[in-house]
């Protein structure tokens, strides 16, 4: 951190204004990155690399959370990513040869 010497009231005001602008700009960036993104069935099916029909079947089984508004299914992008991650298999270090067959 740098040492700042303030010699006048206008200089102090300018430093405060610059600091507030920096904080507000950083807040705007973080708010937009955490904005909830809703996806249509077509967009969601591209993310999980399955057809729209297969996606509807997965939703019907209750495996992926969805939001239904009238006849429209919506999905949260983070829910789809969590579903994909949940299906990830880890290879154990016990017997790697059985995975190489």
PDB file of N, CA and C in Angstrom:
ATOM      1  N   UNK A   1       0.846  -1.179   0.000  1.00  0.00           N
ATOM      2  CA  UNK A   1       0.000   0.000   0.000  1.00  0.00           C
ATOM      3  C   UNK A   1       0.885   1.233   0.000  1.00  0.00           C
ATOM      4  N   UNK A   2       0.512   2.213  -0.787  1.00  0.00           N
ATOM      5  CA  UNK A   2       1.324   3.414  -0.892  1.00  0.00           C
ATOM      6  C   UNK A   2       0.930   4.427   0.175  1.00  0.00           C
ATOM      7  N   UNK A   3       1.891   5.217   0.593  1.00  0.00           N
ATOM      8  CA  UNK A   3       1.624   6.284   1.557  1.00  0.00           C
ATOM      9  C   UNK A   3       1.153   7.509   0.797  1.00  0.00           C
ATOM     10  N   UNK A   4       0.030   8.065   1.216  1.00  0.00           N
ATOM     11  CA  UNK A   4      -0.536   9.227   0.547  1.00  0.00           C
ATOM     12  C   UNK A   4      -0.500  10.393   1.525  1.00  0.00           C
ATOM     13  N   UNK A   5       0.013  11.506   1.055  1.00  0.00           N
ATOM     14  CA  UNK A   5       0.039  12.717   1.876  1.00  0.00           C
ATOM     15  C   UNK A   5      -0.943  13.693   1.258  1.00  0.00           C
ATOM     16  N   UNK A   6      -1.915  14.097   2.036  1.00  0.00           N
ATOM     17  CA  UNK A   6      -2.942  15.017   1.576  1.00  0.00           C
ATOM     18  C   UNK A   6      -2.585  16.404   2.088  1.00  0.00           C
ATOM     19  N   UNK A   7      -2.539  17.365   1.158  1.00  0.00           N
ATOM     20  CA  UNK A   7      -2.151  18.721   1.549  1.00  0.00           C
ATOM     21  C   UNK A   7      -3.310  19.701   1.536  1.00  0.00           C
ATOM     22  N   UNK A   8      -4.428  19.306   0.943  1.00  0.00           N
ATOM     23  CA  UNK A   8      -5.564  20.229   0.898  1.00  0.00           C
ATOM     24  C   UNK A   8      -6.875  19.453   0.916  1.00  0.00           C
ATOM     25  N   UNK A   9      -7.939  20.163   1.263  1.00  0.00           N
ATOM     26  CA  UNK A   9      -9.270  19.550   1.290  1.00  0.00           C
ATOM     27  C   UNK A   9      -9.714  19.107  -0.102  1.00  0.00           C
ATOM     28  N   UNK A  10      -9.530  19.913  -1.155  1.00  0.00           N
ATOM     29  CA  UNK A  10      -9.915  19.452  -2.499  1.00  0.00           C
ATOM     30  C   UNK A  10      -9.163  18.189  -2.931  1.00  0.00           C
ATOM     31  N   UNK A  11      -7.913  18.081  -2.536  1.00  0.00           N
ATOM     32  CA  UNK A  11      -7.138  16.892  -2.872  1.00  0.00           C
ATOM     33  C   UNK A  11      -7.715  15.666  -2.170  1.00  0.00           C
ATOM     34  N   UNK A  12      -8.106  15.825  -0.905  1.00  0.00           N
ATOM     35  CA  UNK A  12      -8.722  14.732  -0.152  1.00  0.00           C
ATOM     36  C   UNK A  12     -10.038  14.311  -0.805  1.00  0.00           C
ATOM     37  N   UNK A  13     -10.857  15.299  -1.183  1.00  0.00           N
ATOM     38  CA  UNK A  13     -12.132  14.996  -1.843  1.00  0.00           C
ATOM     39  C   UNK A  13     -11.900  14.220  -3.139  1.00  0.00           C
ATOM     40  N   UNK A  14     -10.897  14.629  -3.910  1.00  0.00           N
ATOM     41  CA  UNK A  14     -10.598  13.950  -5.171  1.00  0.00           C
ATOM     42  C   UNK A  14     -10.187  12.501  -4.932  1.00  0.00           C
ATOM     43  N   UNK A  15      -9.373  12.258  -3.912  1.00  0.00           N
ATOM     44  CA  UNK A  15      -8.958  10.893  -3.585  1.00  0.00           C
ATOM     45  C   UNK A  15     -10.150  10.029  -3.184  1.00  0.00           C
ATOM     46  N   UNK A  16     -11.065  10.608  -2.412  1.00  0.00           N
ATOM     47  CA  UNK A  16     -12.259   9.864  -1.983  1.00  0.00           C
ATOM     48  C   UNK A  16     -13.133   9.532  -3.188  1.00  0.00           C
ATOM     49  N   UNK A  17     -13.332  10.507  -4.076  1.00  0.00           N
ATOM     50  CA  UNK A  17     -14.148  10.279  -5.273  1.00  0.00           C
ATOM     51  C   UNK A  17     -13.542   9.175  -6.131  1.00  0.00           C
ATOM     52  N   UNK A  18     -12.238   9.213  -6.344  1.00  0.00           N
ATOM     53  CA  UNK A  18     -11.574   8.183  -7.151  1.00  0.00           C
ATOM     54  C   UNK A  18     -11.710   6.801  -6.520  1.00  0.00           C
ATOM     55  N   UNK A  19     -11.593   6.735  -5.193  1.00  0.00           N
ATOM     56  CA  UNK A  19     -11.735   5.450  -4.502  1.00  0.00           C
ATOM     57  C   UNK A  19     -13.161   4.919  -4.637  1.00  0.00           C
ATOM     58  N   UNK A  20     -14.149   5.803  -4.504  1.00  0.00           N
ATOM     59  CA  UNK A  20     -15.548   5.374  -4.639  1.00  0.00           C
ATOM     60  C   UNK A  20     -15.852   4.900  -6.056  1.00  0.00           C
ATOM     61  N   UNK A  21     -15.323   5.585  -7.049  1.00  0.00           N
ATOM     62  CA  UNK A  21     -15.537   5.170  -8.440  1.00  0.00           C
ATOM     63  C   UNK A  21     -14.963   3.778  -8.667  1.00  0.00           C
ATOM     64  N   UNK A  22     -13.776   3.538  -8.151  1.00  0.00           N
ATOM     65  CA  UNK A  22     -13.149   2.223  -8.293  1.00  0.00           C
ATOM     66  C   UNK A  22     -13.997   1.137  -7.645  1.00  0.00           C
ATOM     67  N   UNK A  23     -14.487   1.396  -6.440  1.00  0.00           N
ATOM     68  CA  UNK A  23     -15.319   0.411  -5.735  1.00  0.00           C
ATOM     69  C   UNK A  23     -16.605   0.145  -6.507  1.00  0.00           C
ATOM     70  N   UNK A  24     -17.256   1.187  -6.990  1.00  0.00           N
ATOM     71  CA  UNK A  24     -18.515   1.013  -7.728  1.00  0.00           C
ATOM     72  C   UNK A  24     -18.298   0.255  -9.035  1.00  0.00           C
ATOM     73  N   UNK A  25     -17.222   0.530  -9.735  1.00  0.00           N
ATOM     74  CA  UNK A  25     -16.944  -0.200 -10.977  1.00  0.00           C
ATOM     75  C   UNK A  25     -16.706  -1.673 -10.704  1.00  0.00           C
ATOM     76  N   UNK A  26     -15.989  -1.985  -9.648  1.00  0.00           N
ATOM     77  CA  UNK A  26     -15.745  -3.388  -9.292  1.00  0.00           C
ATOM     78  C   UNK A  26     -17.026  -4.080  -8.861  1.00  0.00           C
ATOM     79  N   UNK A  27     -17.911  -3.371  -8.187  1.00  0.00           N
ATOM     80  CA  UNK A  27     -19.187  -3.944  -7.761  1.00  0.00           C
ATOM     81  C   UNK A  27     -20.057  -4.262  -8.969  1.00  0.00           C
ATOM     82  N   UNK A  28     -20.085  -3.387  -9.958  1.00  0.00           N
ATOM     83  CA  UNK A  28     -20.868  -3.632 -11.170  1.00  0.00           C
ATOM     84  C   UNK A  28     -20.380  -4.883 -11.879  1.00  0.00           C
ATOM     85  N   UNK A  29     -19.066  -5.055 -11.963  1.00  0.00           N
ATOM     86  CA  UNK A  29     -18.512  -6.233 -12.629  1.00  0.00           C
ATOM     87  C   UNK A  29     -18.892  -7.505 -11.908  1.00  0.00           C
ATOM     88  N   UNK A  30     -18.824  -7.514 -10.589  1.00  0.00           N
ATOM     89  CA  UNK A  30     -19.143  -8.739  -9.859  1.00  0.00           C
ATOM     90  C   UNK A  30     -20.640  -9.023  -9.881  1.00  0.00           C
ATOM     91  N   UNK A  31     -21.488  -7.989  -9.907  1.00  0.00           N
ATOM     92  CA  UNK A  31     -22.932  -8.203  -9.976  1.00  0.00           C
ATOM     93  C   UNK A  31     -23.330  -8.841 -11.295  1.00  0.00           C
ATOM     94  N   UNK A  32     -22.746  -8.408 -12.397  1.00  0.00           N
ATOM     95  CA  UNK A  32     -23.129  -8.957 -13.696  1.00  0.00           C
ATOM     96  C   UNK A  32     -22.644 -10.386 -13.864  1.00  0.00           C
ATOM     97  N   UNK A  33     -21.559 -10.754 -13.201  1.00  0.00           N
ATOM     98  CA  UNK A  33     -21.058 -12.116 -13.351  1.00  0.00           C
ATOM     99  C   UNK A  33     -21.871 -13.113 -12.539  1.00  0.00           C
ATOM    100  N   UNK A  34     -22.595 -12.648 -11.511  1.00  0.00           N
ATOM    101  CA  UNK A  34     -23.395 -13.555 -10.696  1.00  0.00           C
ATOM    102  C   UNK A  34     -24.871 -13.514 -11.084  1.00  0.00           C
ATOM    103  N   UNK A  35     -25.194 -12.830 -12.155  1.00  0.00           N
ATOM    104  CA  UNK A  35     -26.580 -12.731 -12.593  1.00  0.00           C
ATOM    105  C   UNK A  35     -27.089 -14.108 -13.012  1.00  0.00           C
ATOM    106  N   UNK A  36     -28.280 -14.447 -12.570  1.00  0.00           N
ATOM    107  CA  UNK A  36     -28.873 -15.737 -12.880  1.00  0.00           C
ATOM    108  C   UNK A  36     -29.205 -15.799 -14.365  1.00  0.00           C
ATOM    109  N   UNK A  37     -28.830 -16.911 -14.992  1.00  0.00           N
ATOM    110  CA  UNK A  37     -29.090 -17.077 -16.417  1.00  0.00           C
ATOM    111  C   UNK A  37     -30.053 -18.240 -16.615  1.00  0.00           C
ATOM    112  N   UNK A  38     -31.214 -17.937 -17.196  1.00  0.00           N
ATOM    113  CA  UNK A  38     -32.210 -18.955 -17.501  1.00  0.00           C
ATOM    114  C   UNK A  38     -32.045 -19.391 -18.947  1.00  0.00           C
ATOM    115  N   UNK A  39     -32.143 -20.690 -19.165  1.00  0.00           N
ATOM    116  CA  UNK A  39     -31.953 -21.246 -20.501  1.00  0.00           C
ATOM    117  C   UNK A  39     -33.211 -21.953 -20.975  1.00  0.00           C
ATOM    118  N   UNK A  40     -33.445 -21.906 -22.270  1.00  0.00           N
ATOM    119  CA  UNK A  40     -34.547 -22.657 -22.868  1.00  0.00           C
ATOM    120  C   UNK A  40     -34.149 -24.126 -22.961  1.00  0.00           C
ATOM    121  N   UNK A  41     -35.100 -24.969 -23.341  1.00  0.00           N
ATOM    122  CA  UNK A  41     -34.817 -26.394 -23.503  1.00  0.00           C
ATOM    123  C   UNK A  41     -33.740 -26.613 -24.563  1.00  0.00           C
ATOM    124  N   UNK A  42     -33.814 -25.861 -25.649  1.00  0.00           N
ATOM    125  CA  UNK A  42     -32.835 -26.013 -26.722  1.00  0.00           C
ATOM    126  C   UNK A  42     -31.434 -25.621 -26.256  1.00  0.00           C
ATOM    127  N   UNK A  43     -31.339 -24.492 -25.537  1.00  0.00           N
ATOM    128  CA  UNK A  43     -30.029 -24.055 -25.038  1.00  0.00           C
ATOM    129  C   UNK A  43     -29.472 -25.049 -24.021  1.00  0.00           C
ATOM    130  N   UNK A  44     -30.345 -25.527 -23.133  1.00  0.00           N
ATOM    131  CA  UNK A  44     -29.913 -26.476 -22.105  1.00  0.00           C
ATOM    132  C   UNK A  44     -29.464 -27.790 -22.732  1.00  0.00           C
ATOM    133  N   UNK A  45     -30.172 -28.235 -23.767  1.00  0.00           N
ATOM    134  CA  UNK A  45     -29.800 -29.507 -24.398  1.00  0.00           C
ATOM    135  C   UNK A  45     -28.427 -29.415 -25.063  1.00  0.00           C
ATOM    136  N   UNK A  46     -28.067 -28.240 -25.555  1.00  0.00           N
ATOM    137  CA  UNK A  46     -26.731 -28.064 -26.136  1.00  0.00           C
ATOM    138  C   UNK A  46     -25.659 -28.154 -25.056  1.00  0.00           C
ATOM    139  N   UNK A  47     -25.947 -27.611 -23.884  1.00  0.00           N
ATOM    140  CA  UNK A  47     -24.960 -27.638 -22.798  1.00  0.00           C
ATOM    141  C   UNK A  47     -24.706 -29.062 -22.324  1.00  0.00           C
ATOM    142  N   UNK A  48     -25.781 -29.840 -22.158  1.00  0.00           N
ATOM    143  CA  UNK A  48     -25.589 -31.208 -21.645  1.00  0.00           C
ATOM    144  C   UNK A  48     -25.351 -32.213 -22.771  1.00  0.00           C
ATOM    145  N   UNK A  49     -25.370 -31.714 -24.009  1.00  0.00           N
ATOM    146  CA  UNK A  49     -25.091 -32.546 -25.189  1.00  0.00           C
ATOM    147  C   UNK A  49     -26.053 -33.729 -25.311  1.00  0.00           C
ATOM    148  N   UNK A  50     -27.331 -33.417 -25.134  1.00  0.00           N
ATOM    149  CA  UNK A  50     -28.401 -34.402 -25.328  1.00  0.00           C
ATOM    150  C   UNK A  50     -29.504 -33.720 -26.132  1.00  0.00           C
ATOM    151  N   UNK A  51     -30.359 -34.512 -26.745  1.00  0.00           N
ATOM    152  CA  UNK A  51     -31.462 -33.935 -27.508  1.00  0.00           C
ATOM    153  C   UNK A  51     -32.472 -33.298 -26.557  1.00  0.00           C
ATOM    154  N   UNK A  52     -33.325 -32.438 -27.116  1.00  0.00           N
ATOM    155  CA  UNK A  52     -34.353 -31.791 -26.303  1.00  0.00           C
ATOM    156  C   UNK A  52     -35.301 -32.830 -25.707  1.00  0.00           C
ATOM    157  N   UNK A  53     -35.626 -33.868 -26.474  1.00  0.00           N
ATOM    158  CA  UNK A  53     -36.497 -34.934 -25.965  1.00  0.00           C
ATOM    159  C   UNK A  53     -35.861 -35.695 -24.817  1.00  0.00           C
ATOM    160  N   UNK A  54     -34.571 -35.998 -24.951  1.00  0.00           N
ATOM    161  CA  UNK A  54     -33.861 -36.695 -23.870  1.00  0.00           C
ATOM    162  C   UNK A  54     -33.812 -35.821 -22.624  1.00  0.00           C
ATOM    163  N   UNK A  55     -33.627 -34.524 -22.815  1.00  0.00           N
ATOM    164  CA  UNK A  55     -33.609 -33.599 -21.682  1.00  0.00           C
ATOM    165  C   UNK A  55     -34.958 -33.594 -20.973  1.00  0.00           C
ATOM    166  N   UNK A  56     -36.040 -33.573 -21.744  1.00  0.00           N
ATOM    167  CA  UNK A  56     -37.377 -33.599 -21.121  1.00  0.00           C
ATOM    168  C   UNK A  56     -37.586 -34.876 -20.314  1.00  0.00           C
ATOM    169  N   UNK A  57     -37.082 -36.004 -20.811  1.00  0.00           N
ATOM    170  CA  UNK A  57     -37.195 -37.267 -20.063  1.00  0.00           C
ATOM    171  C   UNK A  57     -36.408 -37.201 -18.757  1.00  0.00           C
ATOM    172  N   UNK A  58     -35.229 -36.613 -18.797  1.00  0.00           N
ATOM    173  CA  UNK A  58     -34.413 -36.471 -17.590  1.00  0.00           C
ATOM    174  C   UNK A  58     -35.136 -35.585 -16.575  1.00  0.00           C
ATOM    175  N   UNK A  59     -35.778 -34.526 -17.061  1.00  0.00           N
ATOM    176  CA  UNK A  59     -36.552 -33.642 -16.181  1.00  0.00           C
ATOM    177  C   UNK A  59     -37.726 -34.404 -15.587  1.00  0.00           C
ATOM    178  N   UNK A  60     -38.411 -35.191 -16.419  1.00  0.00           N
ATOM    179  CA  UNK A  60     -39.564 -35.969 -15.959  1.00  0.00           C
ATOM    180  C   UNK A  60     -39.161 -36.944 -14.848  1.00  0.00           C
ATOM    181  N   UNK A  61     -37.951 -37.503 -14.937  1.00  0.00           N
ATOM    182  CA  UNK A  61     -37.449 -38.412 -13.901  1.00  0.00           C
ATOM    183  C   UNK A  61     -37.031 -37.662 -12.639  1.00  0.00           C
ATOM    184  N   UNK A  62     -36.964 -36.337 -12.725  1.00  0.00           N
ATOM    185  CA  UNK A  62     -36.576 -35.533 -11.568  1.00  0.00           C
ATOM    186  C   UNK A  62     -35.080 -35.454 -11.343  1.00  0.00           C
ATOM    187  N   UNK A  63     -34.295 -35.723 -12.375  1.00  0.00           N
ATOM    188  CA  UNK A  63     -32.844 -35.723 -12.220  1.00  0.00           C
ATOM    189  C   UNK A  63     -32.230 -34.335 -12.380  1.00  0.00           C
ATOM    190  N   UNK A  64     -32.870 -33.479 -13.156  1.00  0.00           N
ATOM    191  CA  UNK A  64     -32.386 -32.108 -13.348  1.00  0.00           C
ATOM    192  C   UNK A  64     -33.489 -31.154 -12.913  1.00  0.00           C
ATOM    193  N   UNK A  65     -33.173 -30.184 -12.058  1.00  0.00           N
ATOM    194  CA  UNK A  65     -34.182 -29.197 -11.669  1.00  0.00           C
ATOM    195  C   UNK A  65     -34.557 -28.312 -12.859  1.00  0.00           C
ATOM    196  N   UNK A  66     -35.815 -27.956 -12.934  1.00  0.00           N
ATOM    197  CA  UNK A  66     -36.274 -27.075 -14.003  1.00  0.00           C
ATOM    198  C   UNK A  66     -37.379 -26.183 -13.464  1.00  0.00           C
ATOM    199  N   UNK A  67     -37.712 -25.177 -14.246  1.00  0.00           N
ATOM    200  CA  UNK A  67     -38.782 -24.248 -13.906  1.00  0.00           C
ATOM    201  C   UNK A  67     -39.781 -24.316 -15.047  1.00  0.00           C
ATOM    202  N   UNK A  68     -41.041 -24.526 -14.725  1.00  0.00           N
ATOM    203  CA  UNK A  68     -42.056 -24.604 -15.774  1.00  0.00           C
ATOM    204  C   UNK A  68     -42.963 -23.386 -15.667  1.00  0.00           C
ATOM    205  N   UNK A  69     -43.009 -22.606 -16.739  1.00  0.00           N
ATOM    206  CA  UNK A  69     -43.884 -21.441 -16.833  1.00  0.00           C
ATOM    207  C   UNK A  69     -44.816 -21.686 -18.008  1.00  0.00           C
ATOM    208  N   UNK A  70     -46.035 -22.100 -17.712  1.00  0.00           N
ATOM    209  CA  UNK A  70     -46.957 -22.465 -18.781  1.00  0.00           C
ATOM    210  C   UNK A  70     -46.461 -23.718 -19.465  1.00  0.00           C
ATOM    211  N   UNK A  71     -46.247 -23.647 -20.761  1.00  0.00           N
ATOM    212  CA  UNK A  71     -45.713 -24.781 -21.518  1.00  0.00           C
ATOM    213  C   UNK A  71     -44.202 -24.694 -21.716  1.00  0.00           C
ATOM    214  N   UNK A  72     -43.575 -23.714 -21.089  1.00  0.00           N
ATOM    215  CA  UNK A  72     -42.148 -23.488 -21.301  1.00  0.00           C
ATOM    216  C   UNK A  72     -41.324 -24.021 -20.139  1.00  0.00           C
ATOM    217  N   UNK A  73     -40.316 -24.815 -20.462  1.00  0.00           N
ATOM    218  CA  UNK A  73     -39.361 -25.289 -19.456  1.00  0.00           C
ATOM    219  C   UNK A  73     -38.150 -24.375 -19.482  1.00  0.00           C
ATOM    220  N   UNK A  74     -37.718 -23.953 -18.305  1.00  0.00           N
ATOM    221  CA  UNK A  74     -36.514 -23.143 -18.183  1.00  0.00           C
ATOM    222  C   UNK A  74     -35.541 -23.838 -17.248  1.00  0.00           C
ATOM    223  N   UNK A  75     -34.273 -23.586 -17.467  1.00  0.00           N
ATOM    224  CA  UNK A  75     -33.229 -24.221 -16.675  1.00  0.00           C
ATOM    225  C   UNK A  75     -32.234 -23.169 -16.227  1.00  0.00           C
ATOM    226  N   UNK A  76     -31.692 -23.371 -15.036  1.00  0.00           N
ATOM    227  CA  UNK A  76     -30.597 -22.526 -14.575  1.00  0.00           C
ATOM    228  C   UNK A  76     -29.288 -23.149 -15.044  1.00  0.00           C
ATOM    229  N   UNK A  77     -28.436 -22.327 -15.603  1.00  0.00           N
ATOM    230  CA  UNK A  77     -27.173 -22.823 -16.141  1.00  0.00           C
ATOM    231  C   UNK A  77     -26.354 -23.536 -15.063  1.00  0.00           C
ATOM    232  N   UNK A  78     -26.337 -22.980 -13.849  1.00  0.00           N
ATOM    233  CA  UNK A  78     -25.545 -23.614 -12.789  1.00  0.00           C
ATOM    234  C   UNK A  78     -26.103 -24.978 -12.391  1.00  0.00           C
ATOM    235  N   UNK A  79     -27.432 -25.174 -12.491  1.00  0.00           N
ATOM    236  CA  UNK A  79     -28.017 -26.489 -12.207  1.00  0.00           C
ATOM    237  C   UNK A  79     -27.532 -27.529 -13.212  1.00  0.00           C
ATOM    238  N   UNK A  80     -27.443 -27.135 -14.472  1.00  0.00           N
ATOM    239  CA  UNK A  80     -26.974 -28.059 -15.508  1.00  0.00           C
ATOM    240  C   UNK A  80     -25.513 -28.431 -15.293  1.00  0.00           C
ATOM    241  N   UNK A  81     -24.716 -27.444 -14.940  1.00  0.00           N
ATOM    242  CA  UNK A  81     -23.292 -27.713 -14.699  1.00  0.00           C
ATOM    243  C   UNK A  81     -23.126 -28.634 -13.499  1.00  0.00           C
ATOM    244  N   UNK A  82     -23.904 -28.409 -12.442  1.00  0.00           N
ATOM    245  CA  UNK A  82     -23.844 -29.296 -11.271  1.00  0.00           C
ATOM    246  C   UNK A  82     -24.256 -30.716 -11.643  1.00  0.00           C
ATOM    247  N   UNK A  83     -25.272 -30.861 -12.493  1.00  0.00           N
ATOM    248  CA  UNK A  83     -25.729 -32.182 -12.919  1.00  0.00           C
ATOM    249  C   UNK A  83     -24.621 -32.896 -13.689  1.00  0.00           C
ATOM    250  N   UNK A  84     -23.947 -32.166 -14.558  1.00  0.00           N
ATOM    251  CA  UNK A  84     -22.843 -32.755 -15.318  1.00  0.00           C
ATOM    252  C   UNK A  84     -21.729 -33.185 -14.367  1.00  0.00           C
ATOM    253  N   UNK A  85     -21.376 -32.317 -13.430  1.00  0.00           N
ATOM    254  CA  UNK A  85     -20.305 -32.626 -12.479  1.00  0.00           C
ATOM    255  C   UNK A  85     -20.661 -33.823 -11.601  1.00  0.00           C
ATOM    256  N   UNK A  86     -21.924 -33.943 -11.249  1.00  0.00           N
ATOM    257  CA  UNK A  86     -22.365 -35.056 -10.400  1.00  0.00           C
ATOM    258  C   UNK A  86     -22.140 -36.394 -11.091  1.00  0.00           C
ATOM    259  N   UNK A  87     -22.193 -36.394 -12.405  1.00  0.00           N
ATOM    260  CA  UNK A  87     -22.011 -37.628 -13.159  1.00  0.00           C
ATOM    261  C   UNK A  87     -20.559 -37.993 -13.415  1.00  0.00           C
ATOM    262  N   UNK A  88     -19.656 -37.132 -12.989  1.00  0.00           N
ATOM    263  CA  UNK A  88     -18.227 -37.396 -13.223  1.00  0.00           C
ATOM    264  C   UNK A  88     -17.764 -38.583 -12.390  1.00  0.00           C
ATOM    265  N   UNK A  89     -17.027 -39.455 -13.019  1.00  0.00           N
ATOM    266  CA  UNK A  89     -16.471 -40.615 -12.309  1.00  0.00           C
ATOM    267  C   UNK A  89     -15.015 -40.329 -11.981  1.00  0.00           C
ATOM    268  N   UNK A  90     -14.615 -40.768 -10.813  1.00  0.00           N
ATOM    269  CA  UNK A  90     -13.198 -40.639 -10.487  1.00  0.00           C
ATOM    270  C   UNK A  90     -12.558 -42.016 -10.613  1.00  0.00           C
ATOM    271  N   UNK A  91     -11.372 -42.040 -11.154  1.00  0.00           N
ATOM    272  CA  UNK A  91     -10.654 -43.301 -11.314  1.00  0.00           C
ATOM    273  C   UNK A  91      -9.862 -43.541 -10.041  1.00  0.00           C
ATOM    274  N   UNK A  92     -10.087 -44.695  -9.441  1.00  0.00           N
ATOM    275  CA  UNK A  92      -9.356 -45.003  -8.213  1.00  0.00           C
ATOM    276  C   UNK A  92      -7.939 -45.425  -8.558  1.00  0.00           C
ATOM    277  N   UNK A  93      -7.056 -45.281  -7.604  1.00  0.00           N
ATOM    278  CA  UNK A  93      -5.659 -45.648  -7.828  1.00  0.00           C
ATOM    279  C   UNK A  93      -5.397 -47.099  -7.457  1.00  0.00           C
ATOM    280  N   UNK A  94      -6.438 -47.817  -7.030  1.00  0.00           N
ATOM    281  CA  UNK A  94      -6.261 -49.206  -6.601  1.00  0.00           C
ATOM    282  C   UNK A  94      -5.827 -50.107  -7.749  1.00  0.00           C
ATOM    283  N   UNK A  95      -6.584 -50.123  -8.834  1.00  0.00           N
ATOM    284  CA  UNK A  95      -6.276 -51.013  -9.946  1.00  0.00           C
ATOM    285  C   UNK A  95      -6.541 -50.293 -11.268  1.00  0.00           C
ATOM    286  N   UNK A  96      -5.624 -49.446 -11.717  1.00  0.00           N
ATOM    287  CA  UNK A  96      -5.857 -48.706 -12.950  1.00  0.00           C
ATOM    288  C   UNK A  96      -5.927 -49.594 -14.185  1.00  0.00           C
ATOM    289  N   UNK A  97      -5.426 -50.814 -14.125  1.00  0.00           N
ATOM    290  CA  UNK A  97      -5.430 -51.710 -15.284  1.00  0.00           C
ATOM    291  C   UNK A  97      -6.845 -52.062 -15.718  1.00  0.00           C
ATOM    292  N   UNK A  98      -7.787 -52.136 -14.781  1.00  0.00           N
ATOM    293  CA  UNK A  98      -9.154 -52.508 -15.162  1.00  0.00           C
ATOM    294  C   UNK A  98      -9.824 -51.419 -16.001  1.00  0.00           C
ATOM    295  N   UNK A  99      -9.330 -50.189 -15.926  1.00  0.00           N
ATOM    296  CA  UNK A  99      -9.887 -49.111 -16.732  1.00  0.00           C
ATOM    297  C   UNK A  99      -9.250 -49.032 -18.115  1.00  0.00           C
ATOM    298  N   UNK A 100      -8.167 -49.742 -18.309  1.00  0.00           N
ATOM    299  CA  UNK A 100      -7.440 -49.685 -19.575  1.00  0.00           C
ATOM    300  C   UNK A 100      -7.793 -50.809 -20.529  1.00  0.00           C
ATOM    301  N   UNK A 101      -8.699 -51.683 -20.169  1.00  0.00           N
ATOM    302  CA  UNK A 101      -9.058 -52.833 -21.011  1.00  0.00           C
ATOM    303  C   UNK A 101      -9.820 -52.422 -22.228  1.00  0.00           C
TER     304      UNK A 101
END
